[in-house]
Amino acid sequence: MSEDSQLRDAFAPTGRLRASINVGNPILAHGDVAANRAGGVSVDLAGELARRLGLPLDLVVFASAGESVQAVEQGQADIGFFAIDPKRGEQIAFTGPYVVIEGAYLVRDDSPIATRDAVDVAGNRVAVGKGSAYDLYLTRELKHAAIERAPTSPTVVQTFIDGGFEVAAGVKQQLQADAARLGGLRLLDGHFMLIRQAMGLRKARGEAAAAYLSAFVEQMKAEGFVAEALKRHGIEGAAVAGPGA
């Protein structure tokens, strides 16, 4: 068996590269879960990887990050696009990040909460997308405020409003769009975390596949592929990660 054949088998034991796509993060992908259709930066990267490996591509589309991660962990998909997190890293081998996104807090206009430091206070309830990077992060970091989990990232603000919670947490651009659409809401200055979005596959697929995927991401950044994809899809507010970041 040739080295190329071994690599293709490691990535795609079914003979087709199955890419797990999370459309809950509009910066990275958009689409229709029911129709299993998607487009965006993640899809462009998946297509280019499949082309270079000489494999047909199948998308496996999910509404949330948690579902997308689980698909790769359980072998229902071969690669995915996730925020780097140590909990996920127990089973998934991550590349370096290809984009960096800000995680921000949203409150009502009349909220007494004025700074990020005032969020982690007993009695505050923070709405987050279940299984998202900021859910995992805030679960570790918040010591006093309670976490309330919305089904998906795009439903965080509606969950925050319907539940009468004190804070919503999520991707800054999504919160900004919801605030502009709904009114009566404001973002707190700055960010509580930088979300480093990377590609990943199960560690069980082997070191050679993980190394190839890492090199692929670095090449996509260096060649301008990621920057061009962000521009092509009209994405603002996401920065291309630096080399080797």
Protein backbone atom coordinates (compact mmCIF):
# COMPACT_ATOMS: atom_id res chain seq x y z
CA MET A 1 0.00 0.00 0.00
CA SER A 2 1.39 3.42 -0.95
CA GLU A 3 1.87 6.23 1.56
CA ASP A 4 -0.88 8.23 -0.17
CA SER A 5 -3.29 5.30 0.09
CA GLN A 6 -2.52 4.86 3.78
CA LEU A 7 -3.16 8.55 4.38
CA ARG A 8 -6.46 8.47 2.51
CA ASP A 9 -7.53 5.41 4.49
CA ALA A 10 -6.66 7.16 7.76
CA PHE A 11 -8.74 10.19 6.83
CA ALA A 12 -11.60 8.38 5.13
CA PRO A 13 -12.00 4.68 5.98
CA THR A 14 -15.34 4.66 4.10
CA GLY A 15 -13.67 5.93 0.93
CA ARG A 16 -15.39 9.32 1.22
CA LEU A 17 -14.26 12.27 3.34
CA ARG A 18 -17.11 13.12 5.72
CA ALA A 19 -16.86 16.68 7.06
CA SER A 20 -18.82 17.66 10.16
CA ILE A 21 -20.18 21.19 9.63
CA ASN A 22 -21.69 23.33 12.39
CA VAL A 23 -24.05 25.95 10.95
CA GLY A 24 -24.69 27.34 14.45
CA ASN A 25 -21.69 29.65 14.01
CA PRO A 26 -22.51 31.96 11.06
CA ILE A 27 -18.93 33.15 10.79
CA LEU A 28 -17.83 29.69 9.73
CA ALA A 29 -20.82 28.14 7.98
CA HIS A 30 -24.45 28.62 7.03
CA GLY A 31 -26.98 26.19 5.70
CA ASP A 32 -29.96 23.93 6.15
CA VAL A 33 -29.63 21.02 8.57
CA ALA A 34 -32.76 19.25 7.31
CA ALA A 35 -31.51 19.36 3.72
CA ASN A 36 -27.91 18.60 4.80
CA ARG A 37 -26.67 21.60 2.82
CA ALA A 38 -24.06 24.13 3.88
CA GLY A 39 -21.68 26.77 2.63
CA GLY A 40 -19.04 29.01 4.13
CA VAL A 41 -15.39 29.06 5.13
CA SER A 42 -15.53 25.61 6.77
CA VAL A 43 -17.09 24.06 3.68
CA ASP A 44 -14.49 25.67 1.42
CA LEU A 45 -11.67 24.25 3.54
CA ALA A 46 -13.27 20.81 3.58
CA GLY A 47 -13.59 20.88 -0.19
CA GLU A 48 -9.97 21.86 -0.69
CA LEU A 49 -8.76 19.15 1.69
CA ALA A 50 -10.83 16.53 -0.13
CA ARG A 51 -9.45 17.74 -3.48
CA ARG A 52 -5.85 17.46 -2.29
CA LEU A 53 -6.44 13.99 -0.86
CA GLY A 54 -8.22 12.86 -4.02
CA LEU A 55 -11.38 11.95 -2.10
CA PRO A 56 -15.07 12.65 -2.71
CA LEU A 57 -16.58 14.93 -0.04
CA ASP A 58 -19.72 14.41 1.99
CA LEU A 59 -21.02 17.10 4.35
CA VAL A 60 -22.64 16.12 7.63
CA VAL A 61 -24.49 19.24 8.78
CA PHE A 62 -25.40 20.04 12.39
CA ALA A 63 -27.13 22.91 14.17
CA SER A 64 -24.75 23.06 17.13
CA ALA A 65 -21.09 22.74 17.99
CA GLY A 66 -21.78 19.98 20.50
CA GLU A 67 -23.41 17.77 17.87
CA SER A 68 -20.63 18.48 15.40
CA VAL A 69 -17.93 17.49 17.89
CA GLN A 70 -19.80 14.36 18.90
CA ALA A 71 -20.06 13.23 15.27
CA VAL A 72 -16.27 13.22 14.93
CA GLU A 73 -15.70 11.66 18.35
CA GLN A 74 -18.12 8.82 17.53
CA GLY A 75 -16.83 8.22 14.01
CA GLN A 76 -19.91 9.54 12.19
CA ALA A 77 -17.66 12.11 10.48
CA ASP A 78 -13.96 12.13 9.67
CA ILE A 79 -12.99 15.78 10.17
CA GLY A 80 -14.58 18.80 11.79
CA PHE A 81 -14.22 22.50 12.49
CA PHE A 82 -14.15 23.34 16.18
CA ALA A 83 -12.99 25.84 18.73
CA ILE A 84 -9.91 24.48 20.46
CA ASP A 85 -10.76 23.33 23.99
CA PRO A 86 -8.93 20.97 26.37
CA LYS A 87 -12.04 18.89 27.03
CA ARG A 88 -12.54 18.27 23.31
CA GLY A 89 -8.81 17.64 23.00
CA GLU A 90 -9.12 14.44 25.00
CA GLN A 91 -10.26 12.64 21.85
CA ILE A 92 -9.66 15.12 19.03
CA ALA A 93 -6.31 16.12 17.53
CA PHE A 94 -6.53 19.83 16.70
CA THR A 95 -4.61 21.78 14.11
CA GLY A 96 -3.51 25.29 14.83
CA PRO A 97 -6.35 27.81 14.52
CA TYR A 98 -7.29 29.21 11.13
CA VAL A 99 -9.43 32.07 12.47
CA VAL A 100 -9.82 33.79 15.83
CA ILE A 101 -13.23 35.03 17.01
CA GLU A 102 -14.22 37.07 20.05
CA GLY A 103 -16.59 35.72 22.69
CA ALA A 104 -18.68 38.54 24.19
CA TYR A 105 -21.40 39.28 26.74
CA LEU A 106 -24.81 40.83 26.00
CA VAL A 107 -27.16 42.47 28.53
CA ARG A 108 -30.33 44.56 28.45
CA ASP A 109 -29.97 48.32 28.08
CA ASP A 110 -31.28 48.85 31.62
CA SER A 111 -29.05 46.18 33.19
CA PRO A 112 -26.87 47.33 36.11
CA ILE A 113 -24.07 45.15 34.71
CA ALA A 114 -21.57 47.56 33.15
CA THR A 115 -18.35 45.55 32.88
CA ARG A 116 -17.28 41.98 32.17
CA ASP A 117 -15.98 41.65 35.74
CA ALA A 118 -19.50 42.25 37.05
CA VAL A 119 -20.90 39.14 35.29
CA ASP A 120 -19.52 36.48 37.64
CA VAL A 121 -21.69 37.42 40.62
CA ALA A 122 -24.09 35.22 42.58
CA GLY A 123 -27.61 35.64 41.24
CA ASN A 124 -26.56 36.30 37.65
CA ARG A 125 -27.61 33.71 35.07
CA VAL A 126 -25.64 33.48 31.84
CA ALA A 127 -27.27 31.99 28.73
CA VAL A 128 -24.88 30.02 26.49
CA GLY A 129 -25.18 27.60 23.58
CA LYS A 130 -25.07 24.03 24.87
CA GLY A 131 -21.74 22.34 24.14
CA SER A 132 -20.23 25.45 22.53
CA ALA A 133 -16.67 26.58 23.16
CA TYR A 134 -17.86 29.35 25.42
CA ASP A 135 -20.10 26.92 27.35
CA LEU A 136 -17.04 24.76 28.05
CA TYR A 137 -14.90 27.79 28.91
CA LEU A 138 -17.42 29.52 31.17
CA THR A 139 -18.28 26.25 32.92
CA ARG A 140 -14.64 26.17 34.03
CA GLU A 141 -14.18 29.87 34.68
CA LEU A 142 -17.38 31.20 36.27
CA LYS A 143 -17.34 30.66 40.03
CA HIS A 144 -20.52 32.44 41.16
CA ALA A 145 -22.88 33.07 38.23
CA ALA A 146 -25.11 30.23 37.01
CA ILE A 147 -25.07 28.91 33.44
CA GLU A 148 -28.31 28.41 31.49
CA ARG A 149 -27.91 26.40 28.27
CA ALA A 150 -29.76 27.19 25.05
CA PRO A 151 -30.20 24.34 22.53
CA THR A 152 -27.90 26.00 19.96
CA SER A 153 -25.76 29.11 19.64
CA PRO A 154 -28.23 30.98 17.38
CA THR A 155 -30.96 30.55 20.04
CA VAL A 156 -28.91 32.02 22.90
CA VAL A 157 -30.38 35.53 22.80
CA GLN A 158 -33.96 34.31 22.52
CA THR A 159 -33.34 31.94 25.44
CA PHE A 160 -31.85 34.84 27.41
CA ILE A 161 -34.94 36.98 26.71
CA ASP A 162 -37.53 34.26 27.28
CA GLY A 163 -35.90 33.12 30.50
CA GLY A 164 -35.41 36.62 31.87
CA PHE A 165 -31.73 35.87 32.41
CA GLU A 166 -29.17 38.55 33.22
CA VAL A 167 -26.50 37.87 30.56
CA ALA A 168 -26.13 36.18 27.16
CA ALA A 169 -22.71 34.91 26.07
CA GLY A 170 -21.60 33.99 22.58
CA VAL A 171 -19.84 34.88 19.38
CA LYS A 172 -19.62 38.67 19.24
CA GLN A 173 -20.94 39.02 15.69
CA GLN A 174 -24.00 36.87 16.40
CA LEU A 175 -24.82 38.91 19.52
CA GLN A 176 -24.35 42.18 17.63
CA ALA A 177 -26.73 41.04 14.89
CA ASP A 178 -29.37 39.95 17.42
CA ALA A 179 -29.04 43.22 19.36
CA ALA A 180 -29.53 45.26 16.19
CA ARG A 181 -32.52 43.15 15.18
CA LEU A 182 -34.29 43.11 18.55
CA GLY A 183 -33.30 46.43 20.14
CA GLY A 184 -33.03 47.22 23.84
CA LEU A 185 -29.81 45.27 24.20
CA ARG A 186 -26.12 46.17 24.46
CA LEU A 187 -22.78 44.40 24.39
CA LEU A 188 -20.30 44.80 27.22
CA ASP A 189 -16.95 46.22 26.11
CA GLY A 190 -14.20 43.81 25.18
CA HIS A 191 -14.29 40.02 25.13
CA PHE A 192 -14.25 37.31 27.77
CA MET A 193 -12.36 34.88 25.54
CA LEU A 194 -10.75 34.53 22.14
CA ILE A 195 -12.23 31.56 20.33
CA ARG A 196 -9.54 29.80 18.28
CA GLN A 197 -11.26 27.90 15.48
CA ALA A 198 -9.35 24.92 14.15
CA MET A 199 -9.78 21.74 12.16
CA GLY A 200 -9.62 18.39 13.91
CA LEU A 201 -9.98 14.64 13.64
CA ARG A 202 -10.02 11.75 16.09
CA LYS A 203 -6.62 11.02 17.61
CA ALA A 204 -7.26 7.36 16.80
CA ARG A 205 -6.83 8.19 13.10
CA GLY A 206 -3.08 8.40 13.73
CA GLU A 207 -0.22 10.87 13.88
CA ALA A 208 0.36 10.98 10.13
CA ALA A 209 -3.18 12.16 9.41
CA ALA A 210 -3.03 14.72 12.24
CA ALA A 211 0.29 16.08 10.97
CA TYR A 212 -1.03 16.33 7.39
CA LEU A 213 -4.11 18.21 8.57
CA SER A 214 -2.03 20.62 10.64
CA ALA A 215 0.25 21.33 7.68
CA PHE A 216 -2.79 21.81 5.44
CA VAL A 217 -4.24 24.50 7.74
CA GLU A 218 -0.92 26.35 7.92
CA GLN A 219 -0.68 26.29 4.13
CA MET A 220 -4.25 27.56 3.74
CA LYS A 221 -3.44 30.53 5.96
CA ALA A 222 -0.09 31.25 4.31
CA GLU A 223 -1.49 31.08 0.78
CA GLY A 224 -4.35 33.46 1.59
CA PHE A 225 -7.05 30.81 1.10
CA VAL A 226 -8.67 31.51 4.49
CA ALA A 227 -8.57 35.29 4.05
CA GLU A 228 -10.08 35.01 0.57
CA ALA A 229 -12.83 32.68 1.84
CA LEU A 230 -13.76 35.11 4.62
CA LYS A 231 -13.95 37.92 2.07
CA ARG A 232 -15.90 35.84 -0.45
CA HIS A 233 -18.55 34.98 2.14
CA GLY A 234 -18.77 38.56 3.45
CA ILE A 235 -17.53 37.67 6.93
CA GLU A 236 -16.39 40.54 9.15
CA GLY A 237 -14.96 40.46 12.65
CA ALA A 238 -13.00 37.21 12.32
CA ALA A 239 -9.23 37.50 12.05
CA VAL A 240 -7.06 34.99 10.24
CA ALA A 241 -4.88 33.33 12.87
CA GLY A 242 -1.15 33.88 12.67
CA PRO A 243 1.25 31.18 11.44
CA GLY A 244 1.68 28.36 13.89
CA ALA A 245 -0.72 30.02 16.34
